[in-house]
Protein backbone atom coordinates (compact mmCIF):
# COMPACT_ATOMS: atom_id res chain seq x y z
CA MET A 1 -23.88 -12.59 -42.90
CA ALA A 2 -21.11 -10.60 -41.21
CA GLN A 3 -20.25 -11.47 -37.67
CA ASN A 4 -19.76 -8.75 -35.10
CA LYS A 5 -16.21 -8.69 -33.83
CA ILE A 6 -16.05 -9.04 -30.06
CA ASP A 7 -13.06 -7.47 -28.32
CA THR A 8 -11.52 -10.28 -26.30
CA GLU A 9 -8.16 -8.65 -25.68
CA LEU A 10 -7.34 -8.36 -21.99
CA TYR A 11 -5.29 -5.37 -20.84
CA LEU A 12 -3.06 -5.20 -17.80
CA TRP A 13 -4.25 -2.77 -15.11
CA GLU A 14 -2.30 -1.63 -12.04
CA VAL A 15 -4.27 -1.53 -8.79
CA PHE A 16 -3.80 0.99 -5.98
CA VAL A 17 -5.78 0.83 -2.74
CA GLN A 18 -6.39 3.18 0.15
CA ASP A 19 -6.76 1.34 3.48
CA LYS A 20 -8.28 4.28 5.36
CA PHE A 21 -9.66 7.58 4.16
CA GLY A 22 -6.98 10.26 4.17
CA GLU A 23 -4.08 7.81 3.92
CA PRO A 24 -1.93 7.45 0.80
CA PHE A 25 -2.74 4.95 -1.92
CA THR A 26 -0.40 1.97 -2.23
CA HIS A 27 0.21 -0.30 -5.19
CA CYS A 28 -1.03 -3.78 -4.37
CA GLY A 29 -0.84 -5.62 -7.69
CA SER A 30 -2.26 -6.02 -11.17
CA VAL A 31 -5.33 -7.45 -12.85
CA HIS A 32 -6.25 -8.33 -16.43
CA ALA A 33 -9.49 -7.00 -17.90
CA SER A 34 -10.97 -5.89 -21.21
CA ASP A 35 -12.25 -2.54 -19.89
CA SER A 36 -12.09 -0.27 -16.85
CA GLU A 37 -15.35 -1.48 -15.32
CA MET A 38 -14.22 -5.10 -15.40
CA ALA A 39 -10.78 -4.08 -14.09
CA LEU A 40 -12.37 -2.31 -11.13
CA GLN A 41 -14.52 -5.35 -10.32
CA ASN A 42 -11.55 -7.71 -10.66
CA ALA A 43 -9.48 -5.44 -8.40
CA ARG A 44 -12.25 -5.39 -5.80
CA ASP A 45 -12.54 -9.19 -5.90
CA ALA A 46 -8.78 -9.75 -5.72
CA TYR A 47 -7.61 -7.03 -3.32
CA SER A 48 -10.58 -6.13 -1.13
CA ARG A 49 -12.31 -9.41 -0.33
CA ARG A 50 -12.30 -8.72 3.40
CA ASN A 51 -12.96 -4.97 3.28
CA GLU A 52 -9.26 -4.13 3.42
CA ALA A 53 -9.67 -1.20 1.01
CA LYS A 54 -11.84 1.88 1.31
CA THR A 55 -11.02 3.20 -2.18
CA ILE A 56 -9.52 1.54 -5.26
CA TRP A 57 -7.71 3.19 -8.16
CA ILE A 58 -6.95 1.34 -11.38
CA VAL A 59 -4.63 2.53 -14.13
CA LYS A 60 -4.00 0.86 -17.48
CA SER A 61 -0.34 -0.21 -17.37
CA SER A 62 0.30 1.09 -20.87
CA GLU A 63 -0.67 4.60 -19.68
CA ILE A 64 2.00 4.78 -16.96
CA ILE A 65 5.04 6.82 -17.91
CA SER A 66 8.23 6.45 -15.94
CA THR A 67 11.86 7.47 -15.96
CA THR A 68 14.51 4.88 -16.77
CA PRO A 69 17.82 4.20 -15.02
CA SER A 70 19.62 5.98 -17.87
CA ASP A 71 17.67 9.17 -17.01
CA GLU A 72 19.25 9.29 -13.56
CA GLY A 73 21.80 11.99 -14.34
CA PRO A 74 20.27 14.31 -16.96
CA PHE A 75 16.66 14.13 -15.78
CA PHE A 76 17.33 14.84 -12.11
CA GLU A 77 20.35 17.17 -12.54
CA PRO A 78 18.47 20.50 -12.49
CA SER A 79 17.52 20.06 -8.82
CA ASN A 80 21.18 19.86 -7.77
CA ASP A 81 21.88 23.47 -8.72
CA LYS A 82 19.07 24.80 -6.50
CA ILE A 83 20.81 24.49 -3.17
CA TYR A 84 18.15 26.55 -1.44
CA ARG A 85 15.89 23.50 -1.67
CA HIS A 86 18.15 21.48 0.58
CA PRO A 87 16.95 21.20 4.18
CA GLN A 88 20.12 22.56 5.81
CA PHE A 89 18.99 26.13 5.03
CA TYR A 90 15.92 25.84 7.25
CA THR A 91 15.65 25.71 10.99
CA ILE A 92 12.77 23.88 12.55
CA PRO A 93 11.46 25.41 15.78
CA LYS A 94 11.72 23.12 18.80
CA SER A 95 7.94 23.15 19.31
CA VAL A 96 7.42 21.80 15.80
CA LYS A 97 10.34 19.37 16.00
CA ASP A 98 8.87 17.79 19.13
CA LYS A 99 5.62 17.09 17.29
CA LEU A 100 7.41 15.54 14.29
CA PHE A 101 9.69 13.14 16.10
């Protein structure tokens, strides 16, 4: 009789929470889980026990793609030759500036 293989491998998931609706999500930690449903429940139990979070995002760590320190020059270089993107070419009206600062 063949036994059914049960997936017992736990994956690492990154957890992001939103404290209030409309605010940005912040990374608050990681959880281990075998699937997304379990990861979401583990994240809720670990990071929202006292209703701190309104919304939770989870992302499998292996799915996150990032630059490396060696990419610093070549990857970000193209933005340096577009000087029109630098803020010194724009003037902010006083009425707007007063609301920002």
